[in-house]
Amino acid sequence: MKRKDVREWVSKWDIDAVILIYNLLLKRKDELETEDEIMLMEETKKEIRRRVYARNFK
């Protein structure tokens, strides 16, 4: 997976889904083994920040 593809994929999700996936990955943080899992966690975290930041400026 490429980071750009993951970012586009995550940006299409509902915010509740983004938060859910991030929390599930956060619980498994010690067990994350693949680069894809780590990249997905990083991109969900960034997406949450982007949406919070965008909401504050509406």
N, C-alpha and C. Protein backbone atom coordinates (compact mmCIF):
# COMPACT_ATOMS: atom_id res chain seq x y z
N MET A 1 0.83 -1.18 0.00
CA MET A 1 0.00 0.00 0.00
C MET A 1 0.88 1.25 0.00
N LYS A 2 0.42 2.25 -0.71
CA LYS A 2 1.12 3.53 -0.70
C LYS A 2 0.41 4.47 0.25
N ARG A 3 1.18 5.33 0.88
CA ARG A 3 0.62 6.25 1.87
C ARG A 3 -0.47 7.14 1.26
N LYS A 4 -0.27 7.58 0.03
CA LYS A 4 -1.26 8.42 -0.63
C LYS A 4 -2.59 7.68 -0.79
N ASP A 5 -2.52 6.40 -1.16
CA ASP A 5 -3.73 5.59 -1.32
C ASP A 5 -4.45 5.41 0.01
N VAL A 6 -3.68 5.17 1.06
CA VAL A 6 -4.26 5.01 2.40
C VAL A 6 -4.93 6.31 2.83
N ARG A 7 -4.27 7.43 2.59
CA ARG A 7 -4.81 8.73 2.98
C ARG A 7 -6.14 9.00 2.25
N GLU A 8 -6.20 8.73 0.96
CA GLU A 8 -7.43 8.93 0.20
C GLU A 8 -8.54 8.01 0.69
N TRP A 9 -8.18 6.78 1.00
CA TRP A 9 -9.13 5.78 1.46
C TRP A 9 -9.73 6.20 2.80
N VAL A 10 -8.90 6.61 3.73
CA VAL A 10 -9.34 7.01 5.06
C VAL A 10 -10.18 8.29 5.00
N SER A 11 -9.83 9.19 4.09
CA SER A 11 -10.56 10.46 4.01
C SER A 11 -12.02 10.28 3.59
N LYS A 12 -12.36 9.16 3.01
CA LYS A 12 -13.73 8.88 2.57
C LYS A 12 -14.60 8.34 3.71
N TRP A 13 -14.00 7.94 4.81
CA TRP A 13 -14.74 7.36 5.92
C TRP A 13 -15.46 8.41 6.73
N ASP A 14 -16.51 7.97 7.40
CA ASP A 14 -17.21 8.78 8.39
C ASP A 14 -16.26 8.97 9.58
N ILE A 15 -16.35 10.10 10.26
CA ILE A 15 -15.43 10.39 11.37
C ILE A 15 -15.54 9.33 12.47
N ASP A 16 -16.74 8.79 12.69
CA ASP A 16 -16.89 7.74 13.71
C ASP A 16 -16.09 6.50 13.34
N ALA A 17 -16.07 6.17 12.06
CA ALA A 17 -15.30 5.02 11.61
C ALA A 17 -13.80 5.26 11.77
N VAL A 18 -13.37 6.48 11.48
CA VAL A 18 -11.95 6.82 11.62
C VAL A 18 -11.52 6.68 13.07
N ILE A 19 -12.34 7.21 13.98
CA ILE A 19 -12.01 7.13 15.41
C ILE A 19 -12.03 5.69 15.90
N LEU A 20 -12.99 4.91 15.44
CA LEU A 20 -13.08 3.50 15.83
C LEU A 20 -11.83 2.73 15.38
N ILE A 21 -11.46 2.89 14.13
CA ILE A 21 -10.28 2.18 13.62
C ILE A 21 -9.02 2.62 14.37
N TYR A 22 -8.90 3.92 14.62
CA TYR A 22 -7.73 4.41 15.35
C TYR A 22 -7.67 3.78 16.75
N ASN A 23 -8.81 3.74 17.43
CA ASN A 23 -8.83 3.17 18.79
C ASN A 23 -8.51 1.68 18.77
N LEU A 24 -9.00 0.97 17.78
CA LEU A 24 -8.68 -0.46 17.67
C LEU A 24 -7.19 -0.66 17.43
N LEU A 25 -6.62 0.14 16.57
CA LEU A 25 -5.18 0.04 16.31
C LEU A 25 -4.37 0.47 17.52
N LEU A 26 -4.85 1.47 18.23
CA LEU A 26 -4.15 1.95 19.42
C LEU A 26 -4.07 0.86 20.49
N LYS A 27 -5.14 0.09 20.64
CA LYS A 27 -5.14 -1.01 21.61
C LYS A 27 -4.14 -2.08 21.23
N ARG A 28 -3.88 -2.23 19.93
CA ARG A 28 -2.95 -3.24 19.44
C ARG A 28 -1.56 -2.67 19.20
N LYS A 29 -1.32 -1.46 19.61
CA LYS A 29 -0.08 -0.76 19.27
C LYS A 29 1.17 -1.59 19.53
N ASP A 30 1.21 -2.30 20.61
CA ASP A 30 2.38 -3.11 20.94
C ASP A 30 2.53 -4.31 20.00
N GLU A 31 1.42 -4.69 19.38
CA GLU A 31 1.43 -5.87 18.52
C GLU A 31 1.52 -5.53 17.04
N LEU A 32 1.51 -4.25 16.69
CA LEU A 32 1.56 -3.87 15.28
C LEU A 32 2.87 -4.35 14.68
N GLU A 33 2.75 -5.10 13.62
CA GLU A 33 3.94 -5.68 13.04
C GLU A 33 4.22 -5.21 11.63
N THR A 34 3.18 -5.05 10.84
CA THR A 34 3.41 -4.72 9.44
C THR A 34 3.47 -3.21 9.24
N GLU A 35 4.15 -2.83 8.19
CA GLU A 35 4.25 -1.41 7.85
C GLU A 35 2.87 -0.86 7.49
N ASP A 36 2.02 -1.69 6.89
CA ASP A 36 0.68 -1.25 6.51
C ASP A 36 -0.16 -0.90 7.74
N GLU A 37 -0.06 -1.69 8.79
CA GLU A 37 -0.80 -1.40 10.02
C GLU A 37 -0.32 -0.11 10.65
N ILE A 38 0.97 0.07 10.68
CA ILE A 38 1.55 1.29 11.26
C ILE A 38 1.14 2.49 10.43
N MET A 39 1.19 2.36 9.09
CA MET A 39 0.81 3.46 8.22
C MET A 39 -0.68 3.79 8.38
N LEU A 40 -1.52 2.78 8.51
CA LEU A 40 -2.95 3.01 8.70
C LEU A 40 -3.20 3.75 10.00
N MET A 41 -2.50 3.39 11.05
CA MET A 41 -2.66 4.08 12.33
C MET A 41 -2.23 5.54 12.21
N GLU A 42 -1.11 5.78 11.58
CA GLU A 42 -0.63 7.15 11.42
C GLU A 42 -1.61 7.99 10.59
N GLU A 43 -2.14 7.42 9.53
CA GLU A 43 -3.05 8.17 8.67
C GLU A 43 -4.40 8.41 9.32
N THR A 44 -4.89 7.48 10.13
CA THR A 44 -6.15 7.72 10.83
C THR A 44 -5.96 8.83 11.87
N LYS A 45 -4.81 8.84 12.51
CA LYS A 45 -4.50 9.89 13.49
C LYS A 45 -4.46 11.26 12.80
N LYS A 46 -3.82 11.32 11.64
CA LYS A 46 -3.75 12.57 10.88
C LYS A 46 -5.13 13.01 10.41
N GLU A 47 -5.95 12.05 10.00
CA GLU A 47 -7.30 12.38 9.51
C GLU A 47 -8.15 12.96 10.64
N ILE A 48 -8.03 12.41 11.83
CA ILE A 48 -8.77 12.95 12.99
C ILE A 48 -8.33 14.40 13.22
N ARG A 49 -7.03 14.64 13.20
CA ARG A 49 -6.53 16.00 13.39
C ARG A 49 -7.01 16.94 12.30
N ARG A 50 -7.00 16.49 11.04
CA ARG A 50 -7.45 17.33 9.93
C ARG A 50 -8.91 17.72 10.11
N ARG A 51 -9.74 16.77 10.51
CA ARG A 51 -11.16 17.06 10.65
C ARG A 51 -11.45 17.96 11.84
N VAL A 52 -10.74 17.77 12.93
CA VAL A 52 -10.91 18.64 14.09
C VAL A 52 -10.47 20.05 13.73
N TYR A 53 -9.35 20.17 13.06
CA TYR A 53 -8.83 21.47 12.65
C TYR A 53 -9.81 22.17 11.70
N ALA A 54 -10.35 21.42 10.74
CA ALA A 54 -11.32 21.99 9.78
C ALA A 54 -12.59 22.42 10.49
N ARG A 55 -13.03 21.65 11.47
CA ARG A 55 -14.25 21.98 12.21
C ARG A 55 -14.07 23.26 13.01
N ASN A 56 -12.89 23.49 13.54
CA ASN A 56 -12.65 24.69 14.35
C ASN A 56 -12.68 25.97 13.52
N PHE A 57 -12.49 25.85 12.23
CA PHE A 57 -12.48 27.04 11.38
C PHE A 57 -13.77 27.22 10.58
N LYS A 58 -14.79 26.44 10.86
CA LYS A 58 -16.09 26.63 10.19
C LYS A 58 -16.88 27.72 10.83
